[in-house]
Amino acid sequence: RLGAARVFILAGGHLLRQTDEIRRIEVALGSRHAASHT
């Protein structure tokens, strides 16, 4: 909706490293996902 092409995810460390929640979001974003950081 926002026309974003370079989505930057800032996530809690536990969510990023020990769950699949962030990966699920990255997959849903597809090519719009630019990077994830904790």
All heavy atoms as atom14 arrays in JSON, in Angstrom:
{
  "sequence": "RLGAARVFILAGGHLLRQTDEIRRIEVALGSRHAASHT",
  "atom14_mask": [
    [1, 1, 1, 1, 1, 1, 1, 1, 1, 1, 1, 0, 0, 0],
    [1, 1, 1, 1, 1, 1, 1, 1, 0, 0, 0, 0, 0, 0],
    [1, 1, 1, 1, 0, 0, 0, 0, 0, 0, 0, 0, 0, 0],
    [1, 1, 1, 1, 1, 0, 0, 0, 0, 0, 0, 0, 0, 0],
    [1, 1, 1, 1, 1, 0, 0, 0, 0, 0, 0, 0, 0, 0],
    [1, 1, 1, 1, 1, 1, 1, 1, 1, 1, 1, 0, 0, 0],
    [1, 1, 1, 1, 1, 1, 1, 0, 0, 0, 0, 0, 0, 0],
    [1, 1, 1, 1, 1, 1, 1, 1, 1, 1, 1, 0, 0, 0],
    [1, 1, 1, 1, 1, 1, 1, 1, 0, 0, 0, 0, 0, 0],
    [1, 1, 1, 1, 1, 1, 1, 1, 0, 0, 0, 0, 0, 0],
    [1, 1, 1, 1, 1, 0, 0, 0, 0, 0, 0, 0, 0, 0],
    [1, 1, 1, 1, 0, 0, 0, 0, 0, 0, 0, 0, 0, 0],
    [1, 1, 1, 1, 0, 0, 0, 0, 0, 0, 0, 0, 0, 0],
    [1, 1, 1, 1, 1, 1, 1, 1, 1, 1, 0, 0, 0, 0],
    [1, 1, 1, 1, 1, 1, 1, 1, 0, 0, 0, 0, 0, 0],
    [1, 1, 1, 1, 1, 1, 1, 1, 0, 0, 0, 0, 0, 0],
    [1, 1, 1, 1, 1, 1, 1, 1, 1, 1, 1, 0, 0, 0],
    [1, 1, 1, 1, 1, 1, 1, 1, 1, 0, 0, 0, 0, 0],
    [1, 1, 1, 1, 1, 1, 1, 0, 0, 0, 0, 0, 0, 0],
    [1, 1, 1, 1, 1, 1, 1, 1, 0, 0, 0, 0, 0, 0],
    [1, 1, 1, 1, 1, 1, 1, 1, 1, 0, 0, 0, 0, 0],
    [1, 1, 1, 1, 1, 1, 1, 1, 0, 0, 0, 0, 0, 0],
    [1, 1, 1, 1, 1, 1, 1, 1, 1, 1, 1, 0, 0, 0],
    [1, 1, 1, 1, 1, 1, 1, 1, 1, 1, 1, 0, 0, 0],
    [1, 1, 1, 1, 1, 1, 1, 1, 0, 0, 0, 0, 0, 0],
    [1, 1, 1, 1, 1, 1, 1, 1, 1, 0, 0, 0, 0, 0],
    [1, 1, 1, 1, 1, 1, 1, 0, 0, 0, 0, 0, 0, 0],
    [1, 1, 1, 1, 1, 0, 0, 0, 0, 0, 0, 0, 0, 0],
    [1, 1, 1, 1, 1, 1, 1, 1, 0, 0, 0, 0, 0, 0],
    [1, 1, 1, 1, 0, 0, 0, 0, 0, 0, 0, 0, 0, 0],
    [1, 1, 1, 1, 1, 1, 0, 0, 0, 0, 0, 0, 0, 0],
    [1, 1, 1, 1, 1, 1, 1, 1, 1, 1, 1, 0, 0, 0],
    [1, 1, 1, 1, 1, 1, 1, 1, 1, 1, 0, 0, 0, 0],
    [1, 1, 1, 1, 1, 0, 0, 0, 0, 0, 0, 0, 0, 0],
    [1, 1, 1, 1, 1, 0, 0, 0, 0, 0, 0, 0, 0, 0],
    [1, 1, 1, 1, 1, 1, 0, 0, 0, 0, 0, 0, 0, 0],
    [1, 1, 1, 1, 1, 1, 1, 1, 1, 1, 0, 0, 0, 0],
    [1, 1, 1, 1, 1, 1, 1, 0, 0, 0, 0, 0, 0, 0]
  ],
  "atom14_positions": [
    [[0.83, -1.22, 0.0], [0.0, 0.0, 0.0], [0.85, 1.26, 0.0], [0.52, 2.24, -0.66], [-0.92, -0.01, 1.22], [-1.87, 1.18, 1.32], [-2.75, 1.07, 2.55], [-2.04, 1.33, 3.79], [-1.87, 2.53, 4.32], [-2.37, 3.61, 3.71], [-1.23, 2.68, 5.45], [0.0, 0.0, 0.0], [0.0, 0.0, 0.0], [0.0, 0.0, 0.0]],
    [[1.96, 1.21, 0.73], [2.84, 2.37, 0.85], [3.85, 2.48, -0.29], [4.6, 3.45, -0.37], [3.58, 2.32, 2.19], [2.69, 2.44, 3.44], [3.47, 2.05, 4.69], [2.12, 3.84, 3.57], [0.0, 0.0, 0.0], [0.0, 0.0, 0.0], [0.0, 0.0, 0.0], [0.0, 0.0, 0.0], [0.0, 0.0, 0.0], [0.0, 0.0, 0.0]],
    [[3.88, 1.47, -1.14], [4.82, 1.5, -2.27], [6.27, 1.32, -1.85], [7.18, 1.8, -2.53], [0.0, 0.0, 0.0], [0.0, 0.0, 0.0], [0.0, 0.0, 0.0], [0.0, 0.0, 0.0], [0.0, 0.0, 0.0], [0.0, 0.0, 0.0], [0.0, 0.0, 0.0], [0.0, 0.0, 0.0], [0.0, 0.0, 0.0], [0.0, 0.0, 0.0]],
    [[6.5, 0.61, -0.73], [7.86, 0.43, -0.23], [8.58, -0.67, -1.01], [8.01, -1.74, -1.27], [7.83, 0.08, 1.25], [0.0, 0.0, 0.0], [0.0, 0.0, 0.0], [0.0, 0.0, 0.0], [0.0, 0.0, 0.0], [0.0, 0.0, 0.0], [0.0, 0.0, 0.0], [0.0, 0.0, 0.0], [0.0, 0.0, 0.0], [0.0, 0.0, 0.0]],
    [[9.83, -0.41, -1.35], [10.64, -1.38, -2.08], [11.84, -1.87, -1.28], [12.48, -2.86, -1.66], [11.12, -0.78, -3.4], [0.0, 0.0, 0.0], [0.0, 0.0, 0.0], [0.0, 0.0, 0.0], [0.0, 0.0, 0.0], [0.0, 0.0, 0.0], [0.0, 0.0, 0.0], [0.0, 0.0, 0.0], [0.0, 0.0, 0.0], [0.0, 0.0, 0.0]],
    [[12.19, -1.17, -0.16], [13.38, -1.51, 0.63], [12.99, -1.5, 2.12], [13.24, -0.54, 2.84], [14.51, -0.5, 0.37], [14.85, -0.28, -1.1], [15.61, -1.44, -1.68], [16.9, -1.62, -1.02], [17.65, -2.72, -1.17], [17.21, -3.73, -1.91], [18.82, -2.8, -0.57], [0.0, 0.0, 0.0], [0.0, 0.0, 0.0], [0.0, 0.0, 0.0]],
    [[12.37, -2.58, 2.56], [11.83, -2.65, 3.92], [12.92, -3.12, 4.88], [13.52, -4.19, 4.7], [10.62, -3.6, 3.99], [10.07, -3.64, 5.43], [9.54, -3.14, 3.02], [0.0, 0.0, 0.0], [0.0, 0.0, 0.0], [0.0, 0.0, 0.0], [0.0, 0.0, 0.0], [0.0, 0.0, 0.0], [0.0, 0.0, 0.0], [0.0, 0.0, 0.0]],
    [[13.15, -2.32, 5.91], [14.15, -2.62, 6.94], [13.43, -3.05, 8.2], [12.6, -2.32, 8.74], [15.0, -1.38, 7.21], [16.03, -1.54, 8.29], [17.24, -2.16, 8.02], [15.81, -1.06, 9.57], [18.21, -2.3, 9.01], [16.77, -1.19, 10.56], [17.98, -1.81, 10.28], [0.0, 0.0, 0.0], [0.0, 0.0, 0.0], [0.0, 0.0, 0.0]],
    [[13.73, -4.27, 8.67], [13.11, -4.82, 9.88], [14.06, -4.65, 11.06], [15.22, -5.08, 11.0], [12.76, -6.31, 9.69], [11.7, -6.47, 8.6], [12.27, -6.91, 11.01], [11.39, -7.93, 8.27], [0.0, 0.0, 0.0], [0.0, 0.0, 0.0], [0.0, 0.0, 0.0], [0.0, 0.0, 0.0], [0.0, 0.0, 0.0], [0.0, 0.0, 0.0]],
    [[13.55, -4.04, 12.13], [14.28, -3.96, 13.4], [13.54, -4.85, 14.37], [12.35, -4.61, 14.66], [14.34, -2.53, 13.91], [15.16, -2.32, 15.19], [16.64, -2.58, 14.92], [14.96, -0.91, 15.74], [0.0, 0.0, 0.0], [0.0, 0.0, 0.0], [0.0, 0.0, 0.0], [0.0, 0.0, 0.0], [0.0, 0.0, 0.0], [0.0, 0.0, 0.0]],
    [[14.2, -5.9, 14.86], [13.51, -6.91, 15.65], [14.21, -7.19, 16.96], [15.43, -6.98, 17.1], [13.39, -8.21, 14.84], [0.0, 0.0, 0.0], [0.0, 0.0, 0.0], [0.0, 0.0, 0.0], [0.0, 0.0, 0.0], [0.0, 0.0, 0.0], [0.0, 0.0, 0.0], [0.0, 0.0, 0.0], [0.0, 0.0, 0.0], [0.0, 0.0, 0.0]],
    [[13.45, -7.7, 17.91], [14.04, -8.19, 19.14], [14.9, -9.42, 18.85], [14.58, -10.22, 17.97], [0.0, 0.0, 0.0], [0.0, 0.0, 0.0], [0.0, 0.0, 0.0], [0.0, 0.0, 0.0], [0.0, 0.0, 0.0], [0.0, 0.0, 0.0], [0.0, 0.0, 0.0], [0.0, 0.0, 0.0], [0.0, 0.0, 0.0], [0.0, 0.0, 0.0]],
    [[15.98, -9.56, 19.61], [16.93, -10.63, 19.35], [16.33, -12.02, 19.48], [16.62, -12.9, 18.66], [0.0, 0.0, 0.0], [0.0, 0.0, 0.0], [0.0, 0.0, 0.0], [0.0, 0.0, 0.0], [0.0, 0.0, 0.0], [0.0, 0.0, 0.0], [0.0, 0.0, 0.0], [0.0, 0.0, 0.0], [0.0, 0.0, 0.0], [0.0, 0.0, 0.0]],
    [[15.5, -12.24, 20.49], [14.89, -13.56, 20.68], [14.0, -13.92, 19.49], [14.06, -15.05, 18.98], [14.08, -13.59, 21.97], [13.37, -14.88, 22.21], [14.0, -15.99, 22.7], [12.07, -15.24, 22.0], [13.12, -17.0, 22.79], [11.95, -16.56, 22.38], [0.0, 0.0, 0.0], [0.0, 0.0, 0.0], [0.0, 0.0, 0.0], [0.0, 0.0, 0.0]],
    [[13.19, -12.98, 19.05], [12.31, -13.24, 17.91], [13.1, -13.57, 16.66], [12.73, -14.47, 15.89], [11.41, -12.02, 17.65], [10.22, -11.8, 18.56], [9.53, -10.49, 18.2], [9.23, -12.95, 18.48], [0.0, 0.0, 0.0], [0.0, 0.0, 0.0], [0.0, 0.0, 0.0], [0.0, 0.0, 0.0], [0.0, 0.0, 0.0], [0.0, 0.0, 0.0]],
    [[14.18, -12.86, 16.43], [14.96, -13.04, 15.21], [15.73, -14.35, 15.21], [15.8, -15.05, 14.19], [15.91, -11.86, 15.02], [16.72, -11.84, 13.72], [15.81, -11.74, 12.51], [17.72, -10.69, 13.73], [0.0, 0.0, 0.0], [0.0, 0.0, 0.0], [0.0, 0.0, 0.0], [0.0, 0.0, 0.0], [0.0, 0.0, 0.0], [0.0, 0.0, 0.0]],
    [[16.31, -14.7, 16.35], [17.22, -15.84, 16.38], [16.58, -17.15, 16.82], [17.05, -18.22, 16.46], [18.41, -15.52, 17.32], [19.33, -14.42, 16.8], [20.57, -14.29, 17.69], [20.24, -13.79, 19.02], [20.32, -12.51, 19.38], [20.71, -11.6, 18.5], [20.01, -12.13, 20.6], [0.0, 0.0, 0.0], [0.0, 0.0, 0.0], [0.0, 0.0, 0.0]],
    [[15.49, -17.08, 17.61], [14.97, -18.3, 18.21], [13.53, -18.62, 17.86], [12.95, -19.56, 18.41], [15.13, -18.2, 19.74], [16.6, -18.04, 20.17], [16.76, -18.02, 21.67], [16.13, -18.81, 22.38], [17.6, -17.13, 22.18], [0.0, 0.0, 0.0], [0.0, 0.0, 0.0], [0.0, 0.0, 0.0], [0.0, 0.0, 0.0], [0.0, 0.0, 0.0]],
    [[12.92, -17.84, 16.98], [11.58, -18.16, 16.49], [11.58, -18.01, 14.97], [12.52, -17.48, 14.38], [10.5, -17.23, 17.09], [10.52, -15.96, 16.39], [10.73, -16.98, 18.58], [0.0, 0.0, 0.0], [0.0, 0.0, 0.0], [0.0, 0.0, 0.0], [0.0, 0.0, 0.0], [0.0, 0.0, 0.0], [0.0, 0.0, 0.0], [0.0, 0.0, 0.0]],
    [[10.49, -18.43, 14.35], [10.37, -18.26, 12.9], [9.5, -17.08, 12.53], [9.13, -16.9, 11.37], [9.82, -19.54, 12.26], [8.42, -19.9, 12.76], [7.89, -19.18, 13.66], [7.85, -20.89, 12.27], [0.0, 0.0, 0.0], [0.0, 0.0, 0.0], [0.0, 0.0, 0.0], [0.0, 0.0, 0.0], [0.0, 0.0, 0.0], [0.0, 0.0, 0.0]],
    [[9.16, -16.23, 13.53], [8.25, -15.11, 13.28], [8.84, -14.11, 12.28], [8.15, -13.66, 11.36], [7.91, -14.4, 14.59], [7.19, -15.25, 15.61], [5.76, -15.6, 15.23], [5.27, -15.06, 14.21], [5.15, -16.4, 15.95], [0.0, 0.0, 0.0], [0.0, 0.0, 0.0], [0.0, 0.0, 0.0], [0.0, 0.0, 0.0], [0.0, 0.0, 0.0]],
    [[10.1, -13.75, 12.44], [10.7, -12.75, 11.55], [10.89, -13.34, 10.16], [10.64, -12.66, 9.14], [12.03, -12.24, 12.12], [11.84, -11.71, 13.55], [12.61, -11.14, 11.21], [10.77, -10.65, 13.69], [0.0, 0.0, 0.0], [0.0, 0.0, 0.0], [0.0, 0.0, 0.0], [0.0, 0.0, 0.0], [0.0, 0.0, 0.0], [0.0, 0.0, 0.0]],
    [[11.31, -14.59, 10.11], [11.46, -15.24, 8.8], [10.14, -15.29, 8.06], [10.09, -15.08, 6.84], [12.03, -16.66, 9.01], [12.2, -17.45, 7.7], [13.14, -16.74, 6.76], [13.26, -17.45, 5.49], [13.67, -16.89, 4.37], [14.0, -15.61, 4.33], [13.76, -17.6, 3.27], [0.0, 0.0, 0.0], [0.0, 0.0, 0.0], [0.0, 0.0, 0.0]],
    [[9.06, -15.53, 8.76], [7.73, -15.56, 8.13], [7.4, -14.2, 7.52], [6.83, -14.11, 6.42], [6.69, -15.96, 9.18], [5.31, -16.25, 8.62], [4.37, -16.72, 9.71], [4.78, -18.0, 10.25], [5.0, -18.24, 11.54], [4.85, -17.27, 12.43], [5.34, -19.44, 11.95], [0.0, 0.0, 0.0], [0.0, 0.0, 0.0], [0.0, 0.0, 0.0]],
    [[7.76, -13.14, 8.21], [7.5, -11.79, 7.7], [8.4, -11.5, 6.5], [7.96, -10.91, 5.5], [7.7, -10.76, 8.83], [6.62, -10.96, 9.89], [7.68, -9.33, 8.28], [6.88, -10.23, 11.19], [0.0, 0.0, 0.0], [0.0, 0.0, 0.0], [0.0, 0.0, 0.0], [0.0, 0.0, 0.0], [0.0, 0.0, 0.0], [0.0, 0.0, 0.0]],
    [[9.66, -11.92, 6.58], [10.57, -11.71, 5.45], [10.05, -12.41, 4.2], [10.09, -11.85, 3.09], [11.96, -12.25, 5.81], [12.66, -11.47, 6.91], [13.92, -12.14, 7.4], [14.14, -13.32, 7.05], [14.69, -11.5, 8.14], [0.0, 0.0, 0.0], [0.0, 0.0, 0.0], [0.0, 0.0, 0.0], [0.0, 0.0, 0.0], [0.0, 0.0, 0.0]],
    [[9.55, -13.62, 4.37], [9.02, -14.37, 3.22], [7.79, -13.66, 2.65], [7.62, -13.55, 1.43], [8.69, -15.81, 3.63], [7.89, -16.52, 2.53], [9.96, -16.59, 3.94], [0.0, 0.0, 0.0], [0.0, 0.0, 0.0], [0.0, 0.0, 0.0], [0.0, 0.0, 0.0], [0.0, 0.0, 0.0], [0.0, 0.0, 0.0], [0.0, 0.0, 0.0]],
    [[6.92, -13.17, 3.53], [5.72, -12.47, 3.06], [6.07, -11.21, 2.29], [5.41, -10.85, 1.31], [4.82, -12.13, 4.26], [0.0, 0.0, 0.0], [0.0, 0.0, 0.0], [0.0, 0.0, 0.0], [0.0, 0.0, 0.0], [0.0, 0.0, 0.0], [0.0, 0.0, 0.0], [0.0, 0.0, 0.0], [0.0, 0.0, 0.0], [0.0, 0.0, 0.0]],
    [[7.15, -10.53, 2.7], [7.59, -9.32, 1.99], [8.23, -9.64, 0.65], [8.18, -8.83, -0.28], [8.57, -8.53, 2.86], [8.0, -7.76, 4.04], [9.11, -7.28, 4.96], [7.16, -6.58, 3.54], [0.0, 0.0, 0.0], [0.0, 0.0, 0.0], [0.0, 0.0, 0.0], [0.0, 0.0, 0.0], [0.0, 0.0, 0.0], [0.0, 0.0, 0.0]],
    [[8.86, -10.8, 0.55], [9.5, -11.18, -0.7], [10.6, -10.21, -1.09], [11.46, -9.85, -0.27], [0.0, 0.0, 0.0], [0.0, 0.0, 0.0], [0.0, 0.0, 0.0], [0.0, 0.0, 0.0], [0.0, 0.0, 0.0], [0.0, 0.0, 0.0], [0.0, 0.0, 0.0], [0.0, 0.0, 0.0], [0.0, 0.0, 0.0], [0.0, 0.0, 0.0]],
    [[10.58, -9.75, -2.34], [11.65, -8.88, -2.85], [11.65, -7.51, -2.19], [12.62, -6.75, -2.34], [11.5, -8.72, -4.36], [10.27, -8.1, -4.69], [0.0, 0.0, 0.0], [0.0, 0.0, 0.0], [0.0, 0.0, 0.0], [0.0, 0.0, 0.0], [0.0, 0.0, 0.0], [0.0, 0.0, 0.0], [0.0, 0.0, 0.0], [0.0, 0.0, 0.0]],
    [[10.6, -7.17, -1.46], [10.55, -5.87, -0.78], [11.44, -5.86, 0.47], [11.75, -4.8, 1.0], [9.11, -5.51, -0.37], [8.16, -5.34, -1.54], [6.75, -5.02, -1.03], [5.76, -5.1, -2.08], [5.43, -4.09, -2.88], [6.01, -2.92, -2.71], [4.52, -4.24, -3.81], [0.0, 0.0, 0.0], [0.0, 0.0, 0.0], [0.0, 0.0, 0.0]],
    [[11.83, -7.03, 0.96], [12.64, -7.1, 2.17], [14.08, -6.74, 1.86], [14.72, -7.37, 1.01], [12.57, -8.5, 2.78], [13.47, -8.68, 3.95], [14.54, -9.55, 3.96], [13.47, -8.08, 5.18], [15.14, -9.5, 5.12], [14.52, -8.61, 5.89], [0.0, 0.0, 0.0], [0.0, 0.0, 0.0], [0.0, 0.0, 0.0], [0.0, 0.0, 0.0]],
    [[14.62, -5.73, 2.57], [16.0, -5.28, 2.33], [16.97, -5.84, 3.36], [18.08, -6.25, 3.02], [16.05, -3.75, 2.33], [0.0, 0.0, 0.0], [0.0, 0.0, 0.0], [0.0, 0.0, 0.0], [0.0, 0.0, 0.0], [0.0, 0.0, 0.0], [0.0, 0.0, 0.0], [0.0, 0.0, 0.0], [0.0, 0.0, 0.0], [0.0, 0.0, 0.0]],
    [[16.59, -5.83, 4.64], [17.49, -6.31, 5.69], [16.72, -6.44, 6.99], [15.68, -5.79, 7.19], [18.66, -5.33, 5.87], [0.0, 0.0, 0.0], [0.0, 0.0, 0.0], [0.0, 0.0, 0.0], [0.0, 0.0, 0.0], [0.0, 0.0, 0.0], [0.0, 0.0, 0.0], [0.0, 0.0, 0.0], [0.0, 0.0, 0.0], [0.0, 0.0, 0.0]],
    [[17.26, -7.28, 7.88], [16.74, -7.4, 9.24], [17.9, -7.16, 10.21], [19.02, -7.62, 9.97], [16.14, -8.78, 9.48], [15.01, -8.99, 8.65], [0.0, 0.0, 0.0], [0.0, 0.0, 0.0], [0.0, 0.0, 0.0], [0.0, 0.0, 0.0], [0.0, 0.0, 0.0], [0.0, 0.0, 0.0], [0.0, 0.0, 0.0], [0.0, 0.0, 0.0]],
    [[17.61, -6.47, 11.29], [18.66, -6.05, 12.23], [18.15, -6.23, 13.65], [16.95, -6.09, 13.93], [19.0, -4.57, 11.97], [20.1, -4.04, 12.84], [21.43, -4.19, 12.53], [20.07, -3.34, 14.01], [22.19, -3.61, 13.46], [21.38, -3.09, 14.37], [0.0, 0.0, 0.0], [0.0, 0.0, 0.0], [0.0, 0.0, 0.0], [0.0, 0.0, 0.0]],
    [[19.06, -6.54, 14.57], [18.72, -6.64, 15.99], [19.84, -5.95, 16.77], [20.68, -5.26, 16.2], [18.54, -8.11, 16.41], [18.04, -8.15, 17.75], [19.83, -8.9, 16.3], [0.0, 0.0, 0.0], [0.0, 0.0, 0.0], [0.0, 0.0, 0.0], [0.0, 0.0, 0.0], [0.0, 0.0, 0.0], [0.0, 0.0, 0.0], [0.0, 0.0, 0.0]]
  ]
}
